[in-house]
Amino acid sequence: MRELDELFAALSISPFRRKFQLGAPERQYLTTKGMRTILDHAHDFIIARLVPAFPPNDGKQTPMRGHPVFIAQHATATCCRSCLERWHHIERGRELTDEEQGYIVAVISRWLDAHKIVASSL
């Protein structure tokens, strides 16, 4: 796993990762539900879609829109096991540990927190 400041510095220079922003529906959902609920959703999505050693449809299991967490996952490369391996040094082929799950939620939380501020100033 990477140190978060180092990770976010690397993500900030990726044109693909930088293009992800919260749309109006996702901003509204985040505002309505609150960060705690959204992070609970993140944890549930991670358990269902990333924890298994070989998730079904790996590389295609995370939608590109429809929930703030999905957008954050693509922006932070926490969307599939391939991205977790490349960007976060979390190898494929084994279940994620509780520590790794917590790390992924922390990454998503940091991105959402930063973009919540940006979104609310628009």
PDB file of N, CA and C in Angstrom:
ATOM      1  N   MET A   1       0.852  -1.178   0.000  1.00  0.00           N
ATOM      2  CA  MET A   1       0.000   0.000   0.000  1.00  0.00           C
ATOM      3  C   MET A   1       0.894   1.236   0.000  1.00  0.00           C
ATOM      4  N   ARG A   2       0.385   2.272  -0.609  1.00  0.00           N
ATOM      5  CA  ARG A   2       1.168   3.495  -0.743  1.00  0.00           C
ATOM      6  C   ARG A   2       0.793   4.519   0.327  1.00  0.00           C
ATOM      7  N   GLU A   3       1.728   5.382   0.600  1.00  0.00           N
ATOM      8  CA  GLU A   3       1.476   6.526   1.468  1.00  0.00           C
ATOM      9  C   GLU A   3       0.532   7.451   0.696  1.00  0.00           C
ATOM     10  N   LEU A   4      -0.461   7.997   1.361  1.00  0.00           N
ATOM     11  CA  LEU A   4      -1.526   8.716   0.658  1.00  0.00           C
ATOM     12  C   LEU A   4      -1.059   9.983  -0.051  1.00  0.00           C
ATOM     13  N   ASP A   5      -0.150  10.745   0.541  1.00  0.00           N
ATOM     14  CA  ASP A   5       0.332  11.950  -0.149  1.00  0.00           C
ATOM     15  C   ASP A   5       1.041  11.580  -1.451  1.00  0.00           C
ATOM     16  N   GLU A   6       1.841  10.526  -1.410  1.00  0.00           N
ATOM     17  CA  GLU A   6       2.536  10.046  -2.615  1.00  0.00           C
ATOM     18  C   GLU A   6       1.520   9.573  -3.659  1.00  0.00           C
ATOM     19  N   LEU A   7       0.530   8.817  -3.222  1.00  0.00           N
ATOM     20  CA  LEU A   7      -0.502   8.318  -4.131  1.00  0.00           C
ATOM     21  C   LEU A   7      -1.231   9.471  -4.814  1.00  0.00           C
ATOM     22  N   PHE A   8      -1.696  10.430  -4.032  1.00  0.00           N
ATOM     23  CA  PHE A   8      -2.472  11.522  -4.610  1.00  0.00           C
ATOM     24  C   PHE A   8      -1.617  12.421  -5.508  1.00  0.00           C
ATOM     25  N   ALA A   9      -0.343  12.524  -5.234  1.00  0.00           N
ATOM     26  CA  ALA A   9       0.550  13.252  -6.144  1.00  0.00           C
ATOM     27  C   ALA A   9       0.627  12.530  -7.489  1.00  0.00           C
ATOM     28  N   ALA A  10       0.736  11.210  -7.456  1.00  0.00           N
ATOM     29  CA  ALA A  10       0.790  10.426  -8.696  1.00  0.00           C
ATOM     30  C   ALA A  10      -0.535  10.499  -9.447  1.00  0.00           C
ATOM     31  N   LEU A  11      -1.646  10.369  -8.741  1.00  0.00           N
ATOM     32  CA  LEU A  11      -2.954  10.444  -9.384  1.00  0.00           C
ATOM     33  C   LEU A  11      -3.181  11.803 -10.038  1.00  0.00           C
ATOM     34  N   SER A  12      -2.654  12.856  -9.432  1.00  0.00           N
ATOM     35  CA  SER A  12      -2.887  14.212  -9.941  1.00  0.00           C
ATOM     36  C   SER A  12      -2.235  14.466 -11.293  1.00  0.00           C
ATOM     37  N   ILE A  13      -1.288  13.637 -11.679  1.00  0.00           N
ATOM     38  CA  ILE A  13      -0.642  13.839 -12.987  1.00  0.00           C
ATOM     39  C   ILE A  13      -1.144  12.840 -14.038  1.00  0.00           C
ATOM     40  N   SER A  14      -2.126  12.041 -13.679  1.00  0.00           N
ATOM     41  CA  SER A  14      -2.733  11.111 -14.630  1.00  0.00           C
ATOM     42  C   SER A  14      -3.924  11.785 -15.296  1.00  0.00           C
ATOM     43  N   PRO A  15      -3.853  12.043 -16.604  1.00  0.00           N
ATOM     44  CA  PRO A  15      -4.999  12.669 -17.279  1.00  0.00           C
ATOM     45  C   PRO A  15      -6.289  11.861 -17.119  1.00  0.00           C
ATOM     46  N   PHE A  16      -6.184  10.548 -17.163  1.00  0.00           N
ATOM     47  CA  PHE A  16      -7.373   9.710 -17.022  1.00  0.00           C
ATOM     48  C   PHE A  16      -7.979   9.855 -15.635  1.00  0.00           C
ATOM     49  N   ARG A  17      -7.185   9.773 -14.591  1.00  0.00           N
ATOM     50  CA  ARG A  17      -7.703   9.840 -13.216  1.00  0.00           C
ATOM     51  C   ARG A  17      -8.222  11.237 -12.881  1.00  0.00           C
ATOM     52  N   ARG A  18      -7.595  12.265 -13.428  1.00  0.00           N
ATOM     53  CA  ARG A  18      -7.995  13.653 -13.138  1.00  0.00           C
ATOM     54  C   ARG A  18      -9.347  14.015 -13.732  1.00  0.00           C
ATOM     55  N   LYS A  19      -9.762  13.303 -14.772  1.00  0.00           N
ATOM     56  CA  LYS A  19     -11.009  13.688 -15.449  1.00  0.00           C
ATOM     57  C   LYS A  19     -12.262  13.375 -14.629  1.00  0.00           C
ATOM     58  N   PHE A  20     -12.143  12.553 -13.607  1.00  0.00           N
ATOM     59  CA  PHE A  20     -13.312  12.172 -12.823  1.00  0.00           C
ATOM     60  C   PHE A  20     -13.675  13.273 -11.825  1.00  0.00           C
ATOM     61  N   GLN A  21     -14.918  13.693 -11.896  1.00  0.00           N
ATOM     62  CA  GLN A  21     -15.453  14.726 -11.006  1.00  0.00           C
ATOM     63  C   GLN A  21     -16.854  14.313 -10.593  1.00  0.00           C
ATOM     64  N   LEU A  22     -17.284  14.751  -9.443  1.00  0.00           N
ATOM     65  CA  LEU A  22     -18.652  14.477  -9.018  1.00  0.00           C
ATOM     66  C   LEU A  22     -19.617  15.331  -9.838  1.00  0.00           C
ATOM     67  N   GLY A  23     -20.620  14.695 -10.412  1.00  0.00           N
ATOM     68  CA  GLY A  23     -21.676  15.418 -11.103  1.00  0.00           C
ATOM     69  C   GLY A  23     -22.709  15.908 -10.105  1.00  0.00           C
ATOM     70  N   ALA A  24     -23.655  16.673 -10.591  1.00  0.00           N
ATOM     71  CA  ALA A  24     -24.691  17.219  -9.718  1.00  0.00           C
ATOM     72  C   ALA A  24     -25.457  16.131  -8.958  1.00  0.00           C
ATOM     73  N   PRO A  25     -25.856  15.034  -9.619  1.00  0.00           N
ATOM     74  CA  PRO A  25     -26.596  14.007  -8.855  1.00  0.00           C
ATOM     75  C   PRO A  25     -25.747  13.377  -7.741  1.00  0.00           C
ATOM     76  N   GLU A  26     -24.491  13.132  -8.020  1.00  0.00           N
ATOM     77  CA  GLU A  26     -23.610  12.537  -7.010  1.00  0.00           C
ATOM     78  C   GLU A  26     -23.333  13.510  -5.867  1.00  0.00           C
ATOM     79  N   ARG A  27     -23.157  14.786  -6.187  1.00  0.00           N
ATOM     80  CA  ARG A  27     -22.962  15.805  -5.142  1.00  0.00           C
ATOM     81  C   ARG A  27     -24.190  15.886  -4.243  1.00  0.00           C
ATOM     82  N   GLN A  28     -25.364  15.881  -4.873  1.00  0.00           N
ATOM     83  CA  GLN A  28     -26.616  15.947  -4.099  1.00  0.00           C
ATOM     84  C   GLN A  28     -26.759  14.720  -3.211  1.00  0.00           C
ATOM     85  N   TYR A  29     -26.457  13.558  -3.740  1.00  0.00           N
ATOM     86  CA  TYR A  29     -26.558  12.322  -2.972  1.00  0.00           C
ATOM     87  C   TYR A  29     -25.604  12.357  -1.779  1.00  0.00           C
ATOM     88  N   LEU A  30     -24.383  12.812  -2.004  1.00  0.00           N
ATOM     89  CA  LEU A  30     -23.396  12.933  -0.933  1.00  0.00           C
ATOM     90  C   LEU A  30     -23.879  13.903   0.135  1.00  0.00           C
ATOM     91  N   THR A  31     -24.424  15.023  -0.291  1.00  0.00           N
ATOM     92  CA  THR A  31     -24.931  16.017   0.652  1.00  0.00           C
ATOM     93  C   THR A  31     -26.121  15.470   1.445  1.00  0.00           C
ATOM     94  N   THR A  32     -27.018  14.809   0.755  1.00  0.00           N
ATOM     95  CA  THR A  32     -28.225  14.283   1.395  1.00  0.00           C
ATOM     96  C   THR A  32     -27.910  13.154   2.379  1.00  0.00           C
ATOM     97  N   LYS A  33     -27.090  12.210   1.954  1.00  0.00           N
ATOM     98  CA  LYS A  33     -26.811  11.027   2.780  1.00  0.00           C
ATOM     99  C   LYS A  33     -25.744  11.273   3.835  1.00  0.00           C
ATOM    100  N   GLY A  34     -24.795  12.157   3.534  1.00  0.00           N
ATOM    101  CA  GLY A  34     -23.705  12.422   4.458  1.00  0.00           C
ATOM    102  C   GLY A  34     -22.521  11.491   4.229  1.00  0.00           C
ATOM    103  N   MET A  35     -21.370  11.950   4.631  1.00  0.00           N
ATOM    104  CA  MET A  35     -20.131  11.214   4.379  1.00  0.00           C
ATOM    105  C   MET A  35     -20.116   9.853   5.066  1.00  0.00           C
ATOM    106  N   ARG A  36     -20.593   9.771   6.286  1.00  0.00           N
ATOM    107  CA  ARG A  36     -20.558   8.488   7.004  1.00  0.00           C
ATOM    108  C   ARG A  36     -21.322   7.404   6.247  1.00  0.00           C
ATOM    109  N   THR A  37     -22.515   7.732   5.777  1.00  0.00           N
ATOM    110  CA  THR A  37     -23.318   6.765   5.025  1.00  0.00           C
ATOM    111  C   THR A  37     -22.627   6.394   3.715  1.00  0.00           C
ATOM    112  N   ILE A  38     -22.079   7.383   3.035  1.00  0.00           N
ATOM    113  CA  ILE A  38     -21.398   7.125   1.760  1.00  0.00           C
ATOM    114  C   ILE A  38     -20.195   6.205   1.987  1.00  0.00           C
ATOM    115  N   LEU A  39     -19.462   6.412   3.064  1.00  0.00           N
ATOM    116  CA  LEU A  39     -18.313   5.543   3.344  1.00  0.00           C
ATOM    117  C   LEU A  39     -18.759   4.144   3.770  1.00  0.00           C
ATOM    118  N   ASP A  40     -19.920   4.035   4.399  1.00  0.00           N
ATOM    119  CA  ASP A  40     -20.487   2.707   4.659  1.00  0.00           C
ATOM    120  C   ASP A  40     -20.784   2.005   3.345  1.00  0.00           C
ATOM    121  N   HIS A  41     -21.335   2.754   2.383  1.00  0.00           N
ATOM    122  CA  HIS A  41     -21.575   2.186   1.053  1.00  0.00           C
ATOM    123  C   HIS A  41     -20.253   1.752   0.421  1.00  0.00           C
ATOM    124  N   ALA A  42     -19.229   2.586   0.554  1.00  0.00           N
ATOM    125  CA  ALA A  42     -17.913   2.248  -0.007  1.00  0.00           C
ATOM    126  C   ALA A  42     -17.426   0.917   0.549  1.00  0.00           C
ATOM    127  N   HIS A  43     -17.542   0.754   1.848  1.00  0.00           N
ATOM    128  CA  HIS A  43     -17.099  -0.495   2.473  1.00  0.00           C
ATOM    129  C   HIS A  43     -17.883  -1.681   1.917  1.00  0.00           C
ATOM    130  N   ASP A  44     -19.191  -1.523   1.773  1.00  0.00           N
ATOM    131  CA  ASP A  44     -20.019  -2.601   1.216  1.00  0.00           C
ATOM    132  C   ASP A  44     -19.620  -2.925  -0.226  1.00  0.00           C
ATOM    133  N   PHE A  45     -19.377  -1.889  -1.029  1.00  0.00           N
ATOM    134  CA  PHE A  45     -18.961  -2.115  -2.421  1.00  0.00           C
ATOM    135  C   PHE A  45     -17.619  -2.844  -2.476  1.00  0.00           C
ATOM    136  N   ILE A  46     -16.700  -2.469  -1.612  1.00  0.00           N
ATOM    137  CA  ILE A  46     -15.381  -3.103  -1.581  1.00  0.00           C
ATOM    138  C   ILE A  46     -15.513  -4.585  -1.224  1.00  0.00           C
ATOM    139  N   ILE A  47     -16.318  -4.877  -0.227  1.00  0.00           N
ATOM    140  CA  ILE A  47     -16.518  -6.275   0.166  1.00  0.00           C
ATOM    141  C   ILE A  47     -17.085  -7.079  -1.005  1.00  0.00           C
ATOM    142  N   ALA A  48     -18.075  -6.533  -1.667  1.00  0.00           N
ATOM    143  CA  ALA A  48     -18.742  -7.260  -2.747  1.00  0.00           C
ATOM    144  C   ALA A  48     -17.904  -7.357  -4.019  1.00  0.00           C
ATOM    145  N   ARG A  49     -17.124  -6.320  -4.317  1.00  0.00           N
ATOM    146  CA  ARG A  49     -16.504  -6.231  -5.643  1.00  0.00           C
ATOM    147  C   ARG A  49     -14.991  -6.332  -5.678  1.00  0.00           C
ATOM    148  N   LEU A  50     -14.324  -6.146  -4.539  1.00  0.00           N
ATOM    149  CA  LEU A  50     -12.859  -6.147  -4.558  1.00  0.00           C
ATOM    150  C   LEU A  50     -12.219  -7.165  -3.624  1.00  0.00           C
ATOM    151  N   VAL A  51     -12.881  -7.525  -2.545  1.00  0.00           N
ATOM    152  CA  VAL A  51     -12.279  -8.423  -1.558  1.00  0.00           C
ATOM    153  C   VAL A  51     -11.926  -9.801  -2.126  1.00  0.00           C
ATOM    154  N   PRO A  52     -12.783 -10.404  -2.946  1.00  0.00           N
ATOM    155  CA  PRO A  52     -12.441 -11.754  -3.431  1.00  0.00           C
ATOM    156  C   PRO A  52     -11.112 -11.774  -4.200  1.00  0.00           C
ATOM    157  N   ALA A  53     -10.426 -12.897  -4.105  1.00  0.00           N
ATOM    158  CA  ALA A  53      -9.155 -13.053  -4.821  1.00  0.00           C
ATOM    159  C   ALA A  53      -9.350 -12.881  -6.320  1.00  0.00           C
ATOM    160  N   PHE A  54     -10.469 -13.375  -6.827  1.00  0.00           N
ATOM    161  CA  PHE A  54     -10.769 -13.286  -8.254  1.00  0.00           C
ATOM    162  C   PHE A  54     -12.212 -12.798  -8.421  1.00  0.00           C
ATOM    163  N   PRO A  55     -12.422 -11.475  -8.307  1.00  0.00           N
ATOM    164  CA  PRO A  55     -13.789 -10.949  -8.394  1.00  0.00           C
ATOM    165  C   PRO A  55     -14.400 -11.216  -9.776  1.00  0.00           C
ATOM    166  N   PRO A  56     -15.696 -11.502  -9.811  1.00  0.00           N
ATOM    167  CA  PRO A  56     -16.358 -11.647 -11.102  1.00  0.00           C
ATOM    168  C   PRO A  56     -16.242 -10.346 -11.908  1.00  0.00           C
ATOM    169  N   ASN A  57     -16.034 -10.479 -13.194  1.00  0.00           N
ATOM    170  CA  ASN A  57     -15.949  -9.313 -14.094  1.00  0.00           C
ATOM    171  C   ASN A  57     -14.876  -8.312 -13.687  1.00  0.00           C
ATOM    172  N   ASP A  58     -13.772  -8.790 -13.138  1.00  0.00           N
ATOM    173  CA  ASP A  58     -12.726  -7.872 -12.684  1.00  0.00           C
ATOM    174  C   ASP A  58     -12.309  -6.961 -13.832  1.00  0.00           C
ATOM    175  N   GLY A  59     -12.245  -5.693 -13.540  1.00  0.00           N
ATOM    176  CA  GLY A  59     -11.931  -4.683 -14.539  1.00  0.00           C
ATOM    177  C   GLY A  59     -13.181  -4.023 -15.100  1.00  0.00           C
ATOM    178  N   LYS A  60     -14.329  -4.616 -14.831  1.00  0.00           N
ATOM    179  CA  LYS A  60     -15.596  -4.064 -15.315  1.00  0.00           C
ATOM    180  C   LYS A  60     -16.657  -4.028 -14.219  1.00  0.00           C
ATOM    181  N   GLN A  61     -16.260  -4.290 -12.976  1.00  0.00           N
ATOM    182  CA  GLN A  61     -17.245  -4.416 -11.906  1.00  0.00           C
ATOM    183  C   GLN A  61     -17.697  -3.099 -11.298  1.00  0.00           C
ATOM    184  N   THR A  62     -17.010  -2.009 -11.581  1.00  0.00           N
ATOM    185  CA  THR A  62     -17.370  -0.725 -10.976  1.00  0.00           C
ATOM    186  C   THR A  62     -17.961   0.189 -12.042  1.00  0.00           C
ATOM    187  N   PRO A  63     -19.229   0.575 -11.888  1.00  0.00           N
ATOM    188  CA  PRO A  63     -19.842   1.499 -12.853  1.00  0.00           C
ATOM    189  C   PRO A  63     -19.079   2.827 -12.904  1.00  0.00           C
ATOM    190  N   MET A  64     -19.208   3.527 -13.991  1.00  0.00           N
ATOM    191  CA  MET A  64     -18.514   4.804 -14.175  1.00  0.00           C
ATOM    192  C   MET A  64     -19.277   5.981 -13.554  1.00  0.00           C
ATOM    193  N   ARG A  65     -20.523   5.784 -13.209  1.00  0.00           N
ATOM    194  CA  ARG A  65     -21.320   6.869 -12.621  1.00  0.00           C
ATOM    195  C   ARG A  65     -22.467   6.265 -11.822  1.00  0.00           C
ATOM    196  N   GLY A  66     -23.228   7.146 -11.153  1.00  0.00           N
ATOM    197  CA  GLY A  66     -24.401   6.690 -10.439  1.00  0.00           C
ATOM    198  C   GLY A  66     -24.272   6.710  -8.926  1.00  0.00           C
ATOM    199  N   HIS A  67     -23.055   6.824  -8.425  1.00  0.00           N
ATOM    200  CA  HIS A  67     -22.830   6.889  -6.972  1.00  0.00           C
ATOM    201  C   HIS A  67     -21.497   7.596  -6.758  1.00  0.00           C
ATOM    202  N   PRO A  68     -21.400   8.463  -5.748  1.00  0.00           N
ATOM    203  CA  PRO A  68     -20.132   9.158  -5.509  1.00  0.00           C
ATOM    204  C   PRO A  68     -18.953   8.208  -5.325  1.00  0.00           C
ATOM    205  N   VAL A  69     -19.189   7.056  -4.715  1.00  0.00           N
ATOM    206  CA  VAL A  69     -18.106   6.097  -4.490  1.00  0.00           C
ATOM    207  C   VAL A  69     -17.578   5.554  -5.815  1.00  0.00           C
ATOM    208  N   PHE A  70     -18.458   5.271  -6.775  1.00  0.00           N
ATOM    209  CA  PHE A  70     -18.002   4.739  -8.061  1.00  0.00           C
ATOM    210  C   PHE A  70     -17.055   5.724  -8.747  1.00  0.00           C
ATOM    211  N   ILE A  71     -17.418   6.986  -8.728  1.00  0.00           N
ATOM    212  CA  ILE A  71     -16.572   8.011  -9.350  1.00  0.00           C
ATOM    213  C   ILE A  71     -15.251   8.112  -8.601  1.00  0.00           C
ATOM    214  N   ALA A  72     -15.315   8.116  -7.283  1.00  0.00           N
ATOM    215  CA  ALA A  72     -14.091   8.178  -6.477  1.00  0.00           C
ATOM    216  C   ALA A  72     -13.208   6.961  -6.737  1.00  0.00           C
ATOM    217  N   GLN A  73     -13.815   5.793  -6.906  1.00  0.00           N
ATOM    218  CA  GLN A  73     -13.016   4.598  -7.171  1.00  0.00           C
ATOM    219  C   GLN A  73     -12.233   4.725  -8.469  1.00  0.00           C
ATOM    220  N   HIS A  74     -12.867   5.242  -9.505  1.00  0.00           N
ATOM    221  CA  HIS A  74     -12.146   5.409 -10.770  1.00  0.00           C
ATOM    222  C   HIS A  74     -11.081   6.503 -10.652  1.00  0.00           C
ATOM    223  N   ALA A  75     -11.416   7.573  -9.953  1.00  0.00           N
ATOM    224  CA  ALA A  75     -10.460   8.672  -9.780  1.00  0.00           C
ATOM    225  C   ALA A  75      -9.236   8.251  -8.986  1.00  0.00           C
ATOM    226  N   THR A  76      -9.413   7.295  -8.079  1.00  0.00           N
ATOM    227  CA  THR A  76      -8.322   6.886  -7.184  1.00  0.00           C
ATOM    228  C   THR A  76      -7.746   5.512  -7.520  1.00  0.00           C
ATOM    229  N   ALA A  77      -8.183   4.932  -8.622  1.00  0.00           N
ATOM    230  CA  ALA A  77      -7.680   3.616  -9.058  1.00  0.00           C
ATOM    231  C   ALA A  77      -7.945   2.530  -8.012  1.00  0.00           C
ATOM    232  N   THR A  78      -9.123   2.618  -7.395  1.00  0.00           N
ATOM    233  CA  THR A  78      -9.555   1.574  -6.460  1.00  0.00           C
ATOM    234  C   THR A  78     -10.775   0.853  -7.029  1.00  0.00           C
ATOM    235  N   CYS A  79     -10.859   0.794  -8.337  1.00  0.00           N
ATOM    236  CA  CYS A  79     -12.032   0.269  -9.033  1.00  0.00           C
ATOM    237  C   CYS A  79     -11.942  -1.213  -9.362  1.00  0.00           C
ATOM    238  N   CYS A  80     -10.753  -1.773  -9.447  1.00  0.00           N
ATOM    239  CA  CYS A  80     -10.593  -3.189  -9.787  1.00  0.00           C
ATOM    240  C   CYS A  80      -9.254  -3.688  -9.242  1.00  0.00           C
ATOM    241  N   ARG A  81      -9.079  -4.985  -9.280  1.00  0.00           N
ATOM    242  CA  ARG A  81      -7.857  -5.566  -8.722  1.00  0.00           C
ATOM    243  C   ARG A  81      -6.627  -5.194  -9.551  1.00  0.00           C
ATOM    244  N   SER A  82      -6.783  -5.016 -10.850  1.00  0.00           N
ATOM    245  CA  SER A  82      -5.645  -4.597 -11.682  1.00  0.00           C
ATOM    246  C   SER A  82      -5.148  -3.217 -11.272  1.00  0.00           C
ATOM    247  N   CYS A  83      -6.088  -2.296 -11.078  1.00  0.00           N
ATOM    248  CA  CYS A  83      -5.706  -0.940 -10.656  1.00  0.00           C
ATOM    249  C   CYS A  83      -5.129  -0.942  -9.246  1.00  0.00           C
ATOM    250  N   LEU A  84      -5.706  -1.772  -8.367  1.00  0.00           N
ATOM    251  CA  LEU A  84      -5.155  -1.857  -7.012  1.00  0.00           C
ATOM    252  C   LEU A  84      -3.712  -2.341  -7.045  1.00  0.00           C
ATOM    253  N   GLU A  85      -3.422  -3.269  -7.934  1.00  0.00           N
ATOM    254  CA  GLU A  85      -2.055  -3.774  -8.019  1.00  0.00           C
ATOM    255  C   GLU A  85      -1.116  -2.720  -8.604  1.00  0.00           C
ATOM    256  N   ARG A  86      -1.539  -2.096  -9.686  1.00  0.00           N
ATOM    257  CA  ARG A  86      -0.672  -1.127 -10.370  1.00  0.00           C
ATOM    258  C   ARG A  86      -0.434   0.137  -9.538  1.00  0.00           C
ATOM    259  N   TRP A  87      -1.501   0.700  -8.989  1.00  0.00           N
ATOM    260  CA  TRP A  87      -1.399   1.991  -8.319  1.00  0.00           C
ATOM    261  C   TRP A  87      -1.137   1.899  -6.817  1.00  0.00           C
ATOM    262  N   HIS A  88      -1.583   0.816  -6.193  1.00  0.00           N
ATOM    263  CA  HIS A  88      -1.531   0.732  -4.733  1.00  0.00           C
ATOM    264  C   HIS A  88      -0.628  -0.395  -4.225  1.00  0.00           C
ATOM    265  N   HIS A  89      -0.086  -1.178  -5.145  1.00  0.00           N
ATOM    266  CA  HIS A  89       0.819  -2.284  -4.799  1.00  0.00           C
ATOM    267  C   HIS A  89       0.134  -3.339  -3.932  1.00  0.00           C
ATOM    268  N   ILE A  90      -1.146  -3.570  -4.226  1.00  0.00           N
ATOM    269  CA  ILE A  90      -1.915  -4.626  -3.551  1.00  0.00           C
ATOM    270  C   ILE A  90      -2.100  -5.737  -4.578  1.00  0.00           C
ATOM    271  N   GLU A  91      -1.379  -6.823  -4.379  1.00  0.00           N
ATOM    272  CA  GLU A  91      -1.341  -7.876  -5.397  1.00  0.00           C
ATOM    273  C   GLU A  91      -2.691  -8.580  -5.556  1.00  0.00           C
ATOM    274  N   ARG A  92      -2.882  -9.057  -6.790  1.00  0.00           N
ATOM    275  CA  ARG A  92      -4.087  -9.832  -7.130  1.00  0.00           C
ATOM    276  C   ARG A  92      -3.908 -11.275  -6.696  1.00  0.00           C
ATOM    277  N   GLY A  93      -5.003 -12.026  -6.781  1.00  0.00           N
ATOM    278  CA  GLY A  93      -4.927 -13.457  -6.559  1.00  0.00           C
ATOM    279  C   GLY A  93      -5.073 -13.907  -5.116  1.00  0.00           C
ATOM    280  N   ARG A  94      -5.455 -12.995  -4.234  1.00  0.00           N
ATOM    281  CA  ARG A  94      -5.724 -13.335  -2.844  1.00  0.00           C
ATOM    282  C   ARG A  94      -6.762 -12.353  -2.319  1.00  0.00           C
ATOM    283  N   GLU A  95      -7.476 -12.759  -1.280  1.00  0.00           N
ATOM    284  CA  GLU A  95      -8.478 -11.863  -0.708  1.00  0.00           C
ATOM    285  C   GLU A  95      -7.809 -10.651  -0.056  1.00  0.00           C
ATOM    286  N   LEU A  96      -8.512  -9.543  -0.084  1.00  0.00           N
ATOM    287  CA  LEU A  96      -8.010  -8.344   0.589  1.00  0.00           C
ATOM    288  C   LEU A  96      -8.119  -8.514   2.097  1.00  0.00           C
ATOM    289  N   THR A  97      -7.125  -8.017   2.805  1.00  0.00           N
ATOM    290  CA  THR A  97      -7.155  -8.040   4.266  1.00  0.00           C
ATOM    291  C   THR A  97      -8.036  -6.910   4.784  1.00  0.00           C
ATOM    292  N   ASP A  98      -8.378  -6.967   6.063  1.00  0.00           N
ATOM    293  CA  ASP A  98      -9.131  -5.879   6.691  1.00  0.00           C
ATOM    294  C   ASP A  98      -8.351  -4.573   6.604  1.00  0.00           C
ATOM    295  N   GLU A  99      -7.040  -4.644   6.771  1.00  0.00           N
ATOM    296  CA  GLU A  99      -6.208  -3.439   6.689  1.00  0.00           C
ATOM    297  C   GLU A  99      -6.274  -2.829   5.290  1.00  0.00           C
ATOM    298  N   GLU A 100      -6.210  -3.655   4.274  1.00  0.00           N
ATOM    299  CA  GLU A 100      -6.284  -3.157   2.894  1.00  0.00           C
ATOM    300  C   GLU A 100      -7.658  -2.568   2.602  1.00  0.00           C
ATOM    301  N   GLN A 101      -8.703  -3.188   3.109  1.00  0.00           N
ATOM    302  CA  GLN A 101     -10.047  -2.639   2.941  1.00  0.00           C
ATOM    303  C   GLN A 101     -10.150  -1.259   3.588  1.00  0.00           C
ATOM    304  N   GLY A 102      -9.609  -1.115   4.787  1.00  0.00           N
ATOM    305  CA  GLY A 102      -9.610   0.176   5.469  1.00  0.00           C
ATOM    306  C   GLY A 102      -8.819   1.227   4.707  1.00  0.00           C
ATOM    307  N   TYR A 103      -7.695   0.798   4.126  1.00  0.00           N
ATOM    308  CA  TYR A 103      -6.876   1.699   3.309  1.00  0.00           C
ATOM    309  C   TYR A 103      -7.680   2.202   2.108  1.00  0.00           C
ATOM    310  N   ILE A 104      -8.381   1.299   1.428  1.00  0.00           N
ATOM    311  CA  ILE A 104      -9.161   1.686   0.248  1.00  0.00           C
ATOM    312  C   ILE A 104     -10.257   2.670   0.635  1.00  0.00           C
ATOM    313  N   VAL A 105     -10.938   2.427   1.740  1.00  0.00           N
ATOM    314  CA  VAL A 105     -11.965   3.362   2.209  1.00  0.00           C
ATOM    315  C   VAL A 105     -11.327   4.711   2.535  1.00  0.00           C
ATOM    316  N   ALA A 106     -10.145   4.708   3.127  1.00  0.00           N
ATOM    317  CA  ALA A 106      -9.445   5.963   3.444  1.00  0.00           C
ATOM    318  C   ALA A 106      -9.090   6.735   2.176  1.00  0.00           C
ATOM    319  N   VAL A 107      -8.672   6.032   1.147  1.00  0.00           N
ATOM    320  CA  VAL A 107      -8.343   6.667  -0.136  1.00  0.00           C
ATOM    321  C   VAL A 107      -9.598   7.309  -0.725  1.00  0.00           C
ATOM    322  N   ILE A 108     -10.687   6.559  -0.759  1.00  0.00           N
ATOM    323  CA  ILE A 108     -11.962   7.069  -1.286  1.00  0.00           C
ATOM    324  C   ILE A 108     -12.432   8.263  -0.454  1.00  0.00           C
ATOM    325  N   SER A 109     -12.331   8.152   0.858  1.00  0.00           N
ATOM    326  CA  SER A 109     -12.744   9.234   1.755  1.00  0.00           C
ATOM    327  C   SER A 109     -11.964  10.514   1.479  1.00  0.00           C
ATOM    328  N   ARG A 110     -10.664  10.368   1.318  1.00  0.00           N
ATOM    329  CA  ARG A 110      -9.836  11.564   1.073  1.00  0.00           C
ATOM    330  C   ARG A 110     -10.243  12.233  -0.232  1.00  0.00           C
ATOM    331  N   TRP A 111     -10.459  11.442  -1.282  1.00  0.00           N
ATOM    332  CA  TRP A 111     -10.855  12.019  -2.569  1.00  0.00           C
ATOM    333  C   TRP A 111     -12.217  12.693  -2.452  1.00  0.00           C
ATOM    334  N   LEU A 112     -13.190  12.004  -1.854  1.00  0.00           N
ATOM    335  CA  LEU A 112     -14.525  12.586  -1.700  1.00  0.00           C
ATOM    336  C   LEU A 112     -14.484  13.853  -0.863  1.00  0.00           C
ATOM    337  N   ASP A 113     -13.710  13.841   0.198  1.00  0.00           N
ATOM    338  CA  ASP A 113     -13.609  15.018   1.051  1.00  0.00           C
ATOM    339  C   ASP A 113     -13.060  16.210   0.271  1.00  0.00           C
ATOM    340  N   ALA A 114     -12.040  15.982  -0.514  1.00  0.00           N
ATOM    341  CA  ALA A 114     -11.461  17.061  -1.322  1.00  0.00           C
ATOM    342  C   ALA A 114     -12.436  17.543  -2.387  1.00  0.00           C
ATOM    343  N   HIS A 115     -13.163  16.637  -3.002  1.00  0.00           N
ATOM    344  CA  HIS A 115     -14.076  17.007  -4.085  1.00  0.00           C
ATOM    345  C   HIS A 115     -15.422  17.494  -3.579  1.00  0.00           C
ATOM    346  N   LYS A 116     -15.754  17.164  -2.367  1.00  0.00           N
ATOM    347  CA  LYS A 116     -16.963  17.704  -1.741  1.00  0.00           C
ATOM    348  C   LYS A 116     -16.793  19.209  -1.564  1.00  0.00           C
ATOM    349  N   ILE A 117     -15.603  19.622  -1.137  1.00  0.00           N
ATOM    350  CA  ILE A 117     -15.303  21.038  -0.962  1.00  0.00           C
ATOM    351  C   ILE A 117     -15.346  21.753  -2.313  1.00  0.00           C
ATOM    352  N   VAL A 118     -14.703  21.159  -3.306  1.00  0.00           N
ATOM    353  CA  VAL A 118     -14.696  21.740  -4.649  1.00  0.00           C
ATOM    354  C   VAL A 118     -16.113  21.828  -5.177  1.00  0.00           C
ATOM    355  N   ALA A 119     -16.877  20.749  -5.040  1.00  0.00           N
ATOM    356  CA  ALA A 119     -18.231  20.705  -5.553  1.00  0.00           C
ATOM    357  C   ALA A 119     -19.119  21.747  -4.886  1.00  0.00           C
ATOM    358  N   SER A 120     -18.975  21.935  -3.591  1.00  0.00           N
ATOM    359  CA  SER A 120     -19.863  22.870  -2.891  1.00  0.00           C
ATOM    360  C   SER A 120     -19.517  24.317  -3.211  1.00  0.00           C
ATOM    361  N   SER A 121     -18.347  24.574  -3.773  1.00  0.00           N
ATOM    362  CA  SER A 121     -17.984  25.951  -4.116  1.00  0.00           C
ATOM    363  C   SER A 121     -18.377  26.301  -5.540  1.00  0.00           C
ATOM    364  N   LEU A 122     -18.927  25.339  -6.281  1.00  0.00           N
ATOM    365  CA  LEU A 122     -19.343  25.609  -7.678  1.00  0.00           C
ATOM    366  C   LEU A 122     -20.616  26.403  -7.735  1.00  0.00           C
TER     367      LEU A 122
END
